[in-house]
N, C-alpha and C. Protein backbone atom coordinates (compact mmCIF):
# COMPACT_ATOMS: atom_id res chain seq x y z
N MET A 1 24.50 70.92 38.75
CA MET A 1 23.75 72.11 39.15
C MET A 1 24.65 73.35 39.11
N ALA A 2 25.93 73.19 39.52
CA ALA A 2 26.85 74.33 39.49
C ALA A 2 27.05 74.82 38.07
N ALA A 3 27.16 73.89 37.14
CA ALA A 3 27.35 74.26 35.74
C ALA A 3 26.14 75.01 35.20
N VAL A 4 24.95 74.56 35.57
CA VAL A 4 23.72 75.22 35.15
C VAL A 4 23.66 76.62 35.73
N ARG A 5 24.03 76.77 37.00
CA ARG A 5 23.95 78.07 37.66
C ARG A 5 24.89 79.08 37.01
N ILE A 6 26.13 78.72 36.80
CA ILE A 6 27.06 79.67 36.20
C ILE A 6 26.67 79.98 34.76
N ALA A 7 26.13 79.00 34.05
CA ALA A 7 25.67 79.25 32.68
C ALA A 7 24.53 80.26 32.67
N GLN A 8 23.62 80.14 33.61
CA GLN A 8 22.49 81.08 33.71
C GLN A 8 22.98 82.48 34.06
N ILE A 9 23.95 82.56 34.96
CA ILE A 9 24.53 83.85 35.34
C ILE A 9 25.14 84.54 34.13
N LEU A 10 25.93 83.80 33.38
CA LEU A 10 26.60 84.39 32.22
C LEU A 10 25.62 84.74 31.11
N ASP A 11 24.59 83.93 30.93
CA ASP A 11 23.57 84.25 29.92
C ASP A 11 22.87 85.55 30.27
N ALA A 12 22.58 85.74 31.56
CA ALA A 12 21.91 86.97 32.00
C ALA A 12 22.82 88.18 31.78
N LEU A 13 24.10 88.02 32.06
CA LEU A 13 25.03 89.13 31.85
C LEU A 13 25.19 89.44 30.36
N GLU A 14 25.24 88.40 29.54
CA GLU A 14 25.38 88.62 28.11
C GLU A 14 24.14 89.29 27.53
N SER A 15 23.00 89.02 28.11
CA SER A 15 21.77 89.66 27.63
C SER A 15 21.83 91.17 27.85
N ARG A 16 22.60 91.59 28.84
CA ARG A 16 22.73 93.02 29.11
C ARG A 16 23.89 93.65 28.32
N TYR A 17 25.03 92.97 28.31
CA TYR A 17 26.24 93.58 27.75
C TYR A 17 26.56 93.15 26.33
N GLY A 18 25.89 92.10 25.86
CA GLY A 18 26.17 91.61 24.52
C GLY A 18 27.43 90.75 24.49
N ALA A 19 27.79 90.28 23.32
CA ALA A 19 29.01 89.49 23.16
C ALA A 19 30.21 90.41 23.26
N LEU A 20 31.19 90.03 24.04
CA LEU A 20 32.36 90.88 24.30
C LEU A 20 33.61 90.28 23.67
N HIS A 21 34.58 91.13 23.46
CA HIS A 21 35.84 90.70 22.85
C HIS A 21 37.00 91.20 23.69
N ALA A 22 38.09 90.47 23.67
CA ALA A 22 39.25 90.80 24.49
C ALA A 22 39.76 92.20 24.14
N PRO A 23 39.92 93.07 25.15
CA PRO A 23 40.41 94.42 24.88
C PRO A 23 41.91 94.49 24.70
N ALA A 24 42.62 93.48 25.21
CA ALA A 24 44.09 93.50 25.20
C ALA A 24 44.62 92.49 24.21
N PRO A 25 45.88 92.63 23.80
CA PRO A 25 46.50 91.61 22.95
C PRO A 25 46.48 90.26 23.66
N THR A 26 46.35 89.20 22.90
CA THR A 26 46.28 87.87 23.51
C THR A 26 47.62 87.14 23.49
N ASP A 27 48.59 87.61 22.71
CA ASP A 27 49.92 87.03 22.75
C ASP A 27 50.56 87.35 24.10
N PRO A 28 51.22 86.40 24.76
CA PRO A 28 51.78 86.65 26.11
C PRO A 28 52.73 87.85 26.17
N TYR A 29 53.67 87.92 25.23
CA TYR A 29 54.61 89.04 25.24
C TYR A 29 53.88 90.36 25.01
N GLU A 30 53.03 90.40 24.01
CA GLU A 30 52.32 91.65 23.71
C GLU A 30 51.42 92.07 24.87
N PHE A 31 50.83 91.10 25.56
CA PHE A 31 50.01 91.47 26.73
C PHE A 31 50.88 92.14 27.80
N LEU A 32 52.06 91.60 28.06
CA LEU A 32 52.95 92.20 29.05
C LEU A 32 53.29 93.64 28.69
N ILE A 33 53.55 93.88 27.41
CA ILE A 33 53.84 95.25 26.96
C ILE A 33 52.60 96.13 27.11
N TRP A 34 51.46 95.62 26.69
CA TRP A 34 50.20 96.38 26.82
C TRP A 34 49.92 96.73 28.28
N TRP A 35 50.12 95.76 29.17
CA TRP A 35 49.80 95.92 30.59
C TRP A 35 50.60 97.05 31.23
N HIS A 36 51.85 97.22 30.79
CA HIS A 36 52.70 98.27 31.35
C HIS A 36 52.68 99.54 30.51
N SER A 37 51.83 99.58 29.51
CA SER A 37 51.71 100.79 28.69
C SER A 37 50.87 101.86 29.37
N GLY A 38 50.13 101.50 30.42
CA GLY A 38 49.33 102.46 31.16
C GLY A 38 49.44 102.24 32.65
N TYR A 39 49.26 103.30 33.42
CA TYR A 39 49.24 103.18 34.88
C TYR A 39 48.53 104.38 35.48
N PRO A 40 47.66 104.14 36.51
CA PRO A 40 47.21 102.83 36.99
C PRO A 40 46.56 102.03 35.85
N ALA A 41 46.84 100.75 35.83
CA ALA A 41 46.41 99.92 34.70
C ALA A 41 44.90 99.93 34.54
N SER A 42 44.45 100.28 33.36
CA SER A 42 43.04 100.21 32.98
C SER A 42 43.01 99.99 31.48
N GLU A 43 41.89 99.51 31.00
CA GLU A 43 41.77 99.26 29.56
C GLU A 43 42.05 100.53 28.77
N GLU A 44 41.50 101.64 29.22
CA GLU A 44 41.65 102.90 28.47
C GLU A 44 43.10 103.38 28.48
N ARG A 45 43.72 103.42 29.68
CA ARG A 45 45.09 103.93 29.76
C ARG A 45 46.09 103.01 29.05
N CYS A 46 45.93 101.71 29.26
CA CYS A 46 46.85 100.77 28.61
C CYS A 46 46.72 100.85 27.10
N GLN A 47 45.51 101.00 26.60
CA GLN A 47 45.31 101.08 25.16
C GLN A 47 45.92 102.35 24.58
N LYS A 48 45.82 103.46 25.32
CA LYS A 48 46.42 104.71 24.85
C LYS A 48 47.93 104.58 24.75
N GLY A 49 48.54 104.02 25.81
CA GLY A 49 49.98 103.84 25.79
C GLY A 49 50.44 102.87 24.72
N TRP A 50 49.69 101.79 24.56
CA TRP A 50 49.99 100.76 23.54
C TRP A 50 49.93 101.37 22.14
N GLN A 51 48.88 102.14 21.87
CA GLN A 51 48.75 102.74 20.54
C GLN A 51 49.87 103.74 20.29
N SER A 52 50.27 104.47 21.33
CA SER A 52 51.36 105.41 21.19
C SER A 52 52.67 104.69 20.86
N LEU A 53 52.89 103.54 21.49
CA LEU A 53 54.07 102.73 21.18
C LEU A 53 54.05 102.29 19.72
N ILE A 54 52.91 101.78 19.28
CA ILE A 54 52.79 101.32 17.90
C ILE A 54 53.05 102.46 16.91
N ASP A 55 52.51 103.62 17.21
CA ASP A 55 52.62 104.76 16.30
C ASP A 55 54.05 105.31 16.22
N HIS A 56 54.78 105.29 17.34
CA HIS A 56 56.06 106.01 17.40
C HIS A 56 57.30 105.13 17.47
N ILE A 57 57.16 103.89 17.97
CA ILE A 57 58.34 103.05 18.19
C ILE A 57 58.16 101.64 17.64
N GLY A 58 57.02 101.04 17.94
CA GLY A 58 56.80 99.62 17.68
C GLY A 58 56.86 98.87 18.99
N VAL A 59 56.45 97.62 18.99
CA VAL A 59 56.39 96.87 20.24
C VAL A 59 57.28 95.63 20.23
N ALA A 60 57.94 95.33 19.13
CA ALA A 60 58.82 94.17 19.08
C ALA A 60 60.01 94.38 20.02
N PRO A 61 60.56 93.30 20.59
CA PRO A 61 61.69 93.46 21.51
C PRO A 61 62.82 94.31 20.95
N LYS A 62 63.21 94.07 19.71
CA LYS A 62 64.34 94.81 19.14
C LYS A 62 64.01 96.30 19.00
N GLN A 63 62.75 96.63 18.76
CA GLN A 63 62.36 98.03 18.64
C GLN A 63 62.40 98.74 19.99
N LEU A 64 61.94 98.07 21.02
CA LEU A 64 61.96 98.67 22.36
C LEU A 64 63.38 98.79 22.89
N MET A 65 64.23 97.83 22.55
CA MET A 65 65.61 97.86 23.01
C MET A 65 66.44 98.92 22.27
N ALA A 66 66.00 99.30 21.09
CA ALA A 66 66.79 100.22 20.26
C ALA A 66 66.63 101.68 20.67
N VAL A 67 65.59 102.03 21.42
CA VAL A 67 65.36 103.42 21.80
C VAL A 67 65.82 103.66 23.23
N SER A 68 66.09 104.91 23.54
CA SER A 68 66.51 105.26 24.90
C SER A 68 65.34 105.16 25.86
N THR A 69 65.65 104.99 27.13
CA THR A 69 64.61 104.95 28.15
C THR A 69 63.84 106.26 28.20
N ALA A 70 64.56 107.37 28.00
CA ALA A 70 63.91 108.69 28.01
C ALA A 70 62.91 108.83 26.88
N LYS A 71 63.29 108.38 25.68
CA LYS A 71 62.37 108.44 24.54
C LYS A 71 61.16 107.55 24.78
N LEU A 72 61.40 106.37 25.31
CA LEU A 72 60.31 105.45 25.58
C LEU A 72 59.35 106.03 26.61
N ALA A 73 59.90 106.66 27.64
CA ALA A 73 59.06 107.28 28.66
C ALA A 73 58.22 108.40 28.08
N GLN A 74 58.79 109.17 27.17
CA GLN A 74 58.04 110.26 26.54
C GLN A 74 56.84 109.72 25.76
N VAL A 75 57.05 108.63 25.05
CA VAL A 75 55.97 108.03 24.27
C VAL A 75 54.90 107.44 25.17
N LEU A 76 55.29 106.96 26.36
CA LEU A 76 54.35 106.31 27.28
C LEU A 76 53.57 107.29 28.15
N LYS A 77 53.90 108.56 28.11
CA LYS A 77 53.23 109.54 28.98
C LYS A 77 51.72 109.54 28.80
N VAL A 78 51.28 109.32 27.58
CA VAL A 78 49.84 109.35 27.30
C VAL A 78 49.10 108.26 28.08
N GLY A 79 49.82 107.22 28.53
CA GLY A 79 49.20 106.13 29.27
C GLY A 79 49.08 106.34 30.76
N GLY A 80 49.53 107.49 31.25
CA GLY A 80 49.32 107.76 32.67
C GLY A 80 50.60 108.01 33.45
N MET A 81 50.58 107.63 34.70
CA MET A 81 51.62 107.97 35.66
C MET A 81 52.90 107.15 35.46
N VAL A 82 53.95 107.60 36.12
CA VAL A 82 55.29 106.98 36.18
C VAL A 82 55.74 106.39 34.84
N PRO A 83 55.76 107.18 33.78
CA PRO A 83 56.18 106.65 32.48
C PRO A 83 57.63 106.18 32.47
N ASP A 84 58.48 106.80 33.30
CA ASP A 84 59.88 106.38 33.36
C ASP A 84 60.03 104.98 33.94
N VAL A 85 59.24 104.70 34.97
CA VAL A 85 59.25 103.36 35.58
C VAL A 85 58.74 102.34 34.57
N ARG A 86 57.67 102.68 33.88
CA ARG A 86 57.11 101.76 32.90
C ARG A 86 58.06 101.54 31.72
N ALA A 87 58.77 102.58 31.35
CA ALA A 87 59.74 102.45 30.26
C ALA A 87 60.83 101.45 30.64
N ARG A 88 61.32 101.53 31.87
CA ARG A 88 62.35 100.59 32.31
C ARG A 88 61.80 99.16 32.34
N ARG A 89 60.56 99.02 32.75
CA ARG A 89 59.95 97.69 32.78
C ARG A 89 59.78 97.10 31.38
N LEU A 90 59.38 97.94 30.44
CA LEU A 90 59.25 97.45 29.07
C LEU A 90 60.59 97.01 28.51
N LYS A 91 61.63 97.74 28.83
CA LYS A 91 62.96 97.34 28.37
C LYS A 91 63.39 96.02 29.03
N GLU A 92 63.06 95.87 30.30
CA GLU A 92 63.38 94.62 31.00
C GLU A 92 62.65 93.44 30.35
N ILE A 93 61.37 93.62 30.06
CA ILE A 93 60.58 92.56 29.43
C ILE A 93 61.13 92.24 28.05
N ALA A 94 61.39 93.27 27.27
CA ALA A 94 61.90 93.07 25.91
C ALA A 94 63.24 92.35 25.92
N ALA A 95 64.13 92.76 26.84
CA ALA A 95 65.45 92.14 26.91
C ALA A 95 65.35 90.67 27.29
N ARG A 96 64.47 90.35 28.21
CA ARG A 96 64.31 88.95 28.63
C ARG A 96 63.72 88.09 27.52
N VAL A 97 62.70 88.63 26.85
CA VAL A 97 62.07 87.85 25.78
C VAL A 97 63.05 87.65 24.63
N GLN A 98 63.84 88.65 24.36
CA GLN A 98 64.83 88.55 23.29
C GLN A 98 65.97 87.59 23.68
N GLY A 99 66.46 87.72 24.91
CA GLY A 99 67.63 86.96 25.32
C GLY A 99 67.35 85.56 25.82
N GLU A 100 66.23 85.39 26.55
CA GLU A 100 65.92 84.10 27.17
C GLU A 100 64.95 83.24 26.38
N PHE A 101 64.10 83.88 25.57
CA PHE A 101 63.01 83.14 24.93
C PHE A 101 63.02 83.25 23.41
N GLY A 102 64.13 83.67 22.85
CA GLY A 102 64.26 83.70 21.39
C GLY A 102 63.21 84.52 20.68
N ASN A 103 62.79 85.63 21.30
CA ASN A 103 61.78 86.52 20.72
C ASN A 103 60.40 85.89 20.56
N ASP A 104 60.17 84.76 21.20
CA ASP A 104 58.87 84.08 21.07
C ASP A 104 58.48 83.47 22.41
N LEU A 105 57.95 84.32 23.28
CA LEU A 105 57.58 83.87 24.63
C LEU A 105 56.50 82.81 24.58
N ARG A 106 55.54 82.98 23.67
CA ARG A 106 54.44 82.03 23.62
C ARG A 106 54.92 80.61 23.31
N SER A 107 55.79 80.48 22.33
CA SER A 107 56.30 79.16 21.97
C SER A 107 57.05 78.53 23.14
N ALA A 108 57.82 79.35 23.83
CA ALA A 108 58.57 78.84 24.98
C ALA A 108 57.62 78.37 26.07
N LEU A 109 56.59 79.12 26.35
CA LEU A 109 55.62 78.75 27.39
C LEU A 109 54.84 77.50 27.00
N SER A 110 54.54 77.36 25.72
CA SER A 110 53.74 76.22 25.26
C SER A 110 54.44 74.89 25.46
N GLN A 111 55.74 74.91 25.67
CA GLN A 111 56.51 73.69 25.88
C GLN A 111 56.58 73.30 27.36
N LEU A 112 56.00 74.13 28.21
CA LEU A 112 56.04 73.89 29.65
C LEU A 112 54.69 73.38 30.15
N SER A 113 54.70 72.78 31.33
CA SER A 113 53.45 72.44 31.98
C SER A 113 52.78 73.73 32.45
N VAL A 114 51.50 73.66 32.78
CA VAL A 114 50.79 74.86 33.24
C VAL A 114 51.44 75.45 34.49
N PRO A 115 51.77 74.66 35.51
CA PRO A 115 52.44 75.24 36.69
C PRO A 115 53.79 75.87 36.33
N GLN A 116 54.53 75.24 35.44
CA GLN A 116 55.82 75.80 35.03
C GLN A 116 55.64 77.11 34.28
N ALA A 117 54.67 77.15 33.37
CA ALA A 117 54.41 78.38 32.61
C ALA A 117 53.97 79.51 33.54
N ARG A 118 53.14 79.18 34.50
CA ARG A 118 52.69 80.18 35.48
C ARG A 118 53.89 80.72 36.26
N LYS A 119 54.78 79.84 36.66
CA LYS A 119 55.96 80.25 37.42
C LYS A 119 56.83 81.20 36.61
N VAL A 120 57.01 80.91 35.33
CA VAL A 120 57.79 81.79 34.46
C VAL A 120 57.11 83.15 34.31
N LEU A 121 55.82 83.15 34.06
CA LEU A 121 55.10 84.40 33.87
C LEU A 121 55.17 85.29 35.11
N LYS A 122 55.17 84.67 36.29
CA LYS A 122 55.21 85.44 37.53
C LYS A 122 56.58 86.06 37.80
N THR A 123 57.58 85.72 37.00
CA THR A 123 58.88 86.37 37.14
C THR A 123 58.93 87.71 36.41
N PHE A 124 57.90 87.99 35.60
CA PHE A 124 57.83 89.28 34.92
C PHE A 124 57.20 90.31 35.84
N PRO A 125 57.58 91.58 35.72
CA PRO A 125 57.06 92.61 36.62
C PRO A 125 55.54 92.75 36.54
N GLY A 126 54.93 92.86 37.72
CA GLY A 126 53.50 93.11 37.79
C GLY A 126 52.60 91.93 37.54
N ILE A 127 53.15 90.72 37.44
CA ILE A 127 52.32 89.55 37.14
C ILE A 127 52.29 88.60 38.34
N GLY A 128 51.09 88.42 38.89
CA GLY A 128 50.86 87.44 39.95
C GLY A 128 50.02 86.29 39.40
N ASN A 129 49.42 85.53 40.28
CA ASN A 129 48.61 84.39 39.82
C ASN A 129 47.47 84.81 38.90
N PRO A 130 46.69 85.86 39.24
CA PRO A 130 45.60 86.26 38.32
C PRO A 130 46.09 86.65 36.94
N GLY A 131 47.19 87.39 36.88
CA GLY A 131 47.71 87.79 35.58
C GLY A 131 48.23 86.61 34.78
N ALA A 132 48.89 85.68 35.47
CA ALA A 132 49.39 84.48 34.79
C ALA A 132 48.22 83.64 34.26
N ASP A 133 47.15 83.54 35.05
CA ASP A 133 45.98 82.78 34.60
C ASP A 133 45.35 83.44 33.38
N ARG A 134 45.26 84.76 33.42
CA ARG A 134 44.67 85.48 32.28
C ARG A 134 45.49 85.24 31.02
N ILE A 135 46.79 85.35 31.11
CA ILE A 135 47.65 85.14 29.95
C ILE A 135 47.50 83.72 29.42
N ALA A 136 47.50 82.75 30.32
CA ALA A 136 47.37 81.35 29.91
C ALA A 136 46.06 81.11 29.17
N LEU A 137 44.98 81.71 29.66
CA LEU A 137 43.66 81.51 29.04
C LEU A 137 43.57 82.21 27.69
N PHE A 138 43.87 83.50 27.64
CA PHE A 138 43.64 84.26 26.41
C PHE A 138 44.64 83.91 25.31
N SER A 139 45.81 83.42 25.68
CA SER A 139 46.79 83.03 24.66
C SER A 139 46.64 81.57 24.26
N HIS A 140 45.60 80.92 24.80
CA HIS A 140 45.31 79.51 24.48
C HIS A 140 46.46 78.58 24.87
N LEU A 141 47.08 78.89 26.01
CA LEU A 141 48.07 77.97 26.57
C LEU A 141 47.39 76.90 27.40
N SER A 142 46.33 77.30 28.12
CA SER A 142 45.55 76.37 28.94
C SER A 142 44.20 77.01 29.26
N PRO A 143 43.10 76.24 29.18
CA PRO A 143 41.77 76.81 29.47
C PRO A 143 41.51 76.88 30.97
N VAL A 144 42.36 77.59 31.69
CA VAL A 144 42.22 77.70 33.14
C VAL A 144 41.01 78.56 33.48
N ALA A 145 40.53 78.42 34.69
CA ALA A 145 39.40 79.23 35.17
C ALA A 145 39.96 80.56 35.66
N ALA A 146 40.30 81.45 34.75
CA ALA A 146 40.88 82.74 35.10
C ALA A 146 39.78 83.71 35.55
N VAL A 147 40.10 84.48 36.58
CA VAL A 147 39.18 85.46 37.15
C VAL A 147 39.81 86.84 36.99
N PRO A 148 39.07 87.85 36.56
CA PRO A 148 39.64 89.20 36.47
C PRO A 148 40.24 89.63 37.80
N SER A 149 41.48 90.08 37.77
CA SER A 149 42.21 90.35 39.00
C SER A 149 41.55 91.42 39.87
N ALA A 150 40.89 92.38 39.24
CA ALA A 150 40.31 93.49 40.00
C ALA A 150 38.94 93.18 40.60
N CYS A 151 38.36 92.04 40.25
CA CYS A 151 36.98 91.83 40.69
C CYS A 151 36.62 90.38 41.01
N PRO A 152 37.39 89.69 41.84
CA PRO A 152 36.97 88.35 42.25
C PRO A 152 35.71 88.38 43.11
N HIS A 153 35.35 89.58 43.59
CA HIS A 153 34.17 89.70 44.45
C HIS A 153 32.87 89.42 43.70
N VAL A 154 32.84 89.59 42.39
CA VAL A 154 31.58 89.53 41.65
C VAL A 154 30.90 88.18 41.81
N LEU A 155 31.58 87.12 41.47
CA LEU A 155 30.97 85.79 41.57
C LEU A 155 30.73 85.38 43.01
N VAL A 156 31.61 85.80 43.90
CA VAL A 156 31.41 85.49 45.32
C VAL A 156 30.11 86.11 45.80
N ARG A 157 29.86 87.34 45.45
CA ARG A 157 28.62 88.01 45.86
C ARG A 157 27.39 87.31 45.28
N ILE A 158 27.45 87.02 43.99
CA ILE A 158 26.27 86.43 43.35
C ILE A 158 25.92 85.07 43.96
N VAL A 159 26.94 84.25 44.17
CA VAL A 159 26.70 82.87 44.61
C VAL A 159 26.60 82.74 46.12
N HIS A 160 27.44 83.48 46.87
CA HIS A 160 27.53 83.26 48.32
C HIS A 160 27.05 84.41 49.17
N GLY A 161 27.10 85.62 48.67
CA GLY A 161 26.78 86.78 49.48
C GLY A 161 28.00 87.67 49.64
N PRO A 162 28.09 88.46 50.72
CA PRO A 162 29.23 89.36 50.89
C PRO A 162 30.57 88.63 50.80
N GLU A 163 31.51 89.26 50.13
CA GLU A 163 32.81 88.64 49.94
C GLU A 163 33.63 88.62 51.21
N GLU A 164 34.68 87.79 51.22
CA GLU A 164 35.61 87.73 52.33
C GLU A 164 36.53 88.95 52.30
N ASN A 165 37.20 89.20 53.40
CA ASN A 165 38.16 90.30 53.45
C ASN A 165 39.46 89.94 52.74
N GLU A 166 39.76 88.67 52.66
CA GLU A 166 41.02 88.22 52.09
C GLU A 166 40.89 88.02 50.58
N TYR A 167 41.77 88.67 49.84
CA TYR A 167 41.72 88.60 48.37
C TYR A 167 41.89 87.18 47.86
N THR A 168 42.86 86.45 48.40
CA THR A 168 43.13 85.11 47.88
C THR A 168 41.94 84.18 48.08
N ALA A 169 41.22 84.36 49.17
CA ALA A 169 40.03 83.53 49.42
C ALA A 169 38.95 83.83 48.40
N ASN A 170 38.75 85.11 48.09
CA ASN A 170 37.75 85.49 47.09
C ASN A 170 38.14 84.97 45.71
N TYR A 171 39.41 85.09 45.37
CA TYR A 171 39.86 84.63 44.06
C TYR A 171 39.65 83.13 43.92
N ALA A 172 40.01 82.39 44.96
CA ALA A 172 39.86 80.93 44.92
C ALA A 172 38.39 80.53 44.81
N ALA A 173 37.52 81.23 45.54
CA ALA A 173 36.09 80.93 45.48
C ALA A 173 35.52 81.24 44.10
N ALA A 174 35.94 82.35 43.51
CA ALA A 174 35.48 82.69 42.17
C ALA A 174 35.98 81.67 41.15
N GLN A 175 37.20 81.22 41.30
CA GLN A 175 37.74 80.21 40.40
C GLN A 175 36.95 78.91 40.49
N ARG A 176 36.59 78.51 41.70
CA ARG A 176 35.81 77.27 41.86
C ARG A 176 34.47 77.39 41.14
N THR A 177 33.86 78.56 41.19
CA THR A 177 32.59 78.76 40.50
C THR A 177 32.78 78.67 38.99
N LEU A 178 33.80 79.34 38.47
CA LEU A 178 34.05 79.31 37.03
C LEU A 178 34.50 77.94 36.56
N ASP A 179 35.08 77.16 37.45
CA ASP A 179 35.58 75.85 37.07
C ASP A 179 34.45 74.89 36.72
N ALA A 180 33.21 75.28 37.03
CA ALA A 180 32.07 74.45 36.63
C ALA A 180 31.79 74.56 35.13
N LEU A 181 32.34 75.60 34.50
CA LEU A 181 32.17 75.74 33.05
C LEU A 181 32.96 74.66 32.33
N PRO A 182 32.57 74.31 31.12
CA PRO A 182 33.39 73.38 30.33
C PRO A 182 34.81 73.92 30.19
N ALA A 183 35.78 73.04 30.24
CA ALA A 183 37.19 73.44 30.13
C ALA A 183 37.52 73.73 28.67
N ALA A 184 36.88 74.77 28.16
CA ALA A 184 37.03 75.17 26.76
C ALA A 184 37.35 76.66 26.72
N TYR A 185 38.22 77.05 25.81
CA TYR A 185 38.66 78.44 25.75
C TYR A 185 37.50 79.42 25.56
N GLU A 186 36.64 79.14 24.62
CA GLU A 186 35.55 80.07 24.33
C GLU A 186 34.66 80.31 25.54
N ALA A 187 34.31 79.23 26.25
CA ALA A 187 33.42 79.35 27.40
C ALA A 187 34.06 80.15 28.52
N ARG A 188 35.34 79.90 28.77
CA ARG A 188 35.98 80.55 29.91
C ARG A 188 36.42 81.97 29.60
N ILE A 189 36.77 82.24 28.36
CA ILE A 189 37.05 83.62 27.98
C ILE A 189 35.77 84.45 28.05
N ARG A 190 34.68 83.88 27.60
CA ARG A 190 33.39 84.57 27.69
C ARG A 190 33.07 84.91 29.15
N GLY A 191 33.27 83.95 30.04
CA GLY A 191 33.00 84.19 31.45
C GLY A 191 33.87 85.30 32.01
N TYR A 192 35.13 85.27 31.68
CA TYR A 192 36.07 86.30 32.16
C TYR A 192 35.62 87.69 31.73
N LEU A 193 35.32 87.85 30.46
CA LEU A 193 34.98 89.16 29.92
C LEU A 193 33.67 89.69 30.49
N LEU A 194 32.69 88.82 30.65
CA LEU A 194 31.40 89.26 31.18
C LEU A 194 31.51 89.67 32.64
N ILE A 195 32.29 88.94 33.41
CA ILE A 195 32.46 89.28 34.82
C ILE A 195 33.20 90.62 34.95
N ALA A 196 34.23 90.80 34.14
CA ALA A 196 34.97 92.07 34.18
C ALA A 196 34.07 93.25 33.82
N ARG A 197 33.25 93.09 32.79
CA ARG A 197 32.34 94.18 32.40
C ARG A 197 31.30 94.45 33.48
N HIS A 198 30.79 93.39 34.11
CA HIS A 198 29.78 93.56 35.15
C HIS A 198 30.36 94.34 36.33
N ALA A 199 31.62 94.08 36.66
CA ALA A 199 32.26 94.81 37.75
C ALA A 199 32.44 96.28 37.39
N GLN A 200 32.76 96.57 36.14
CA GLN A 200 32.94 97.94 35.70
C GLN A 200 31.62 98.71 35.70
N GLU A 201 30.56 98.05 35.27
CA GLU A 201 29.29 98.74 35.06
C GLU A 201 28.39 98.79 36.31
N LEU A 202 28.21 97.66 36.97
CA LEU A 202 27.22 97.58 38.04
C LEU A 202 27.74 97.03 39.36
N CYS A 203 28.45 95.91 39.33
CA CYS A 203 28.85 95.26 40.58
C CYS A 203 30.16 95.85 41.08
N LYS A 204 30.13 97.14 41.37
CA LYS A 204 31.32 97.84 41.82
C LYS A 204 31.68 97.43 43.25
N ARG A 205 32.95 97.55 43.57
CA ARG A 205 33.42 97.07 44.86
C ARG A 205 32.76 97.80 46.03
N SER A 206 32.68 99.12 45.97
CA SER A 206 32.19 99.87 47.12
C SER A 206 30.71 100.27 47.02
N LYS A 207 30.23 100.55 45.81
CA LYS A 207 28.85 100.99 45.66
C LYS A 207 28.17 100.23 44.52
N PRO A 208 27.86 98.94 44.75
CA PRO A 208 27.21 98.17 43.69
C PRO A 208 25.82 98.71 43.37
N ARG A 209 25.48 98.69 42.09
CA ARG A 209 24.18 99.20 41.65
C ARG A 209 23.21 98.04 41.50
N CYS A 210 22.84 97.46 42.62
CA CYS A 210 22.02 96.24 42.61
C CYS A 210 20.66 96.45 41.95
N GLY A 211 20.11 97.65 42.10
CA GLY A 211 18.80 97.91 41.54
C GLY A 211 18.75 97.86 40.03
N GLN A 212 19.90 98.00 39.38
CA GLN A 212 19.96 97.96 37.92
C GLN A 212 20.45 96.61 37.39
N CYS A 213 20.73 95.69 38.28
CA CYS A 213 21.40 94.44 37.90
C CYS A 213 20.41 93.39 37.40
N PRO A 214 20.70 92.74 36.29
CA PRO A 214 19.80 91.70 35.78
C PRO A 214 19.80 90.44 36.65
N LEU A 215 20.74 90.37 37.59
CA LEU A 215 20.84 89.21 38.48
C LEU A 215 20.31 89.48 39.87
N GLU A 216 19.70 90.65 40.08
CA GLU A 216 19.31 91.05 41.43
C GLU A 216 18.46 90.00 42.13
N SER A 217 17.49 89.43 41.43
CA SER A 217 16.58 88.48 42.09
C SER A 217 17.25 87.15 42.44
N ALA A 218 18.39 86.86 41.80
CA ALA A 218 19.07 85.60 42.04
C ALA A 218 20.39 85.77 42.81
N CYS A 219 20.74 87.01 43.14
CA CYS A 219 22.04 87.30 43.75
C CYS A 219 21.96 87.21 45.26
N ALA A 220 22.83 86.42 45.87
CA ALA A 220 22.84 86.27 47.33
C ALA A 220 23.18 87.57 48.03
N PHE A 221 24.07 88.36 47.44
CA PHE A 221 24.45 89.65 48.02
C PHE A 221 23.28 90.61 48.02
N ALA A 222 22.58 90.70 46.91
CA ALA A 222 21.44 91.63 46.80
C ALA A 222 20.31 91.22 47.73
N LYS A 223 20.09 89.92 47.86
CA LYS A 223 19.03 89.46 48.77
C LYS A 223 19.32 89.84 50.20
N ARG A 224 20.58 89.70 50.62
CA ARG A 224 20.94 90.07 51.99
C ARG A 224 20.83 91.57 52.20
N ALA A 225 21.18 92.34 51.17
CA ALA A 225 21.13 93.80 51.28
C ALA A 225 19.71 94.30 51.49
N LYS A 226 18.73 93.55 51.03
CA LYS A 226 17.32 93.95 51.15
C LYS A 226 16.75 93.67 52.52
N LYS A 227 17.41 92.78 53.27
CA LYS A 227 16.86 92.39 54.59
C LYS A 227 17.08 93.48 55.63
């Protein structure tokens, strides 16, 4: 029944948003560079910073290591705030991937167990459990039930009602719901992307637009809000 429910939820979301594609690079190293190309991190800001890197410097470890921090920061300004901090982080990531992982982070991670790979990923700046899960899923290291880090509340609201105050509890509950999907990359990537889009468009954290939601009649949160 859980599998049927989550499948119906995702079908309804896809009917509104259409088939979605990953906005970020799926290679683990490239995702880390993309993620720090913008701040505060968003698809738009990260993409602007990433494109600026590609146009002016390149994103390979040797290319990032070859330029000064000041030059790198100048190129990253288009991606938002604290470009100097982000420049230092990109150099740190590039140096580690070059020195510790032979310029191929993905291959190195693929030789580890999922818990080991997650532990390694969490040693990089700005990566916690949600980020490690996302990287593992999109880079096809493991079909984990990854939940968008900014919106674990979405599935909790739909299935259970108002979310908990504690982030980790919401993330775990959302993962349990997604875990009913087949352990296949396509199914779980689809779920991730649709949930992220739904949070951006309608199921916002503070002011959800329940009246426009295709799931309103089946959503536990919306039903409680009407009482």
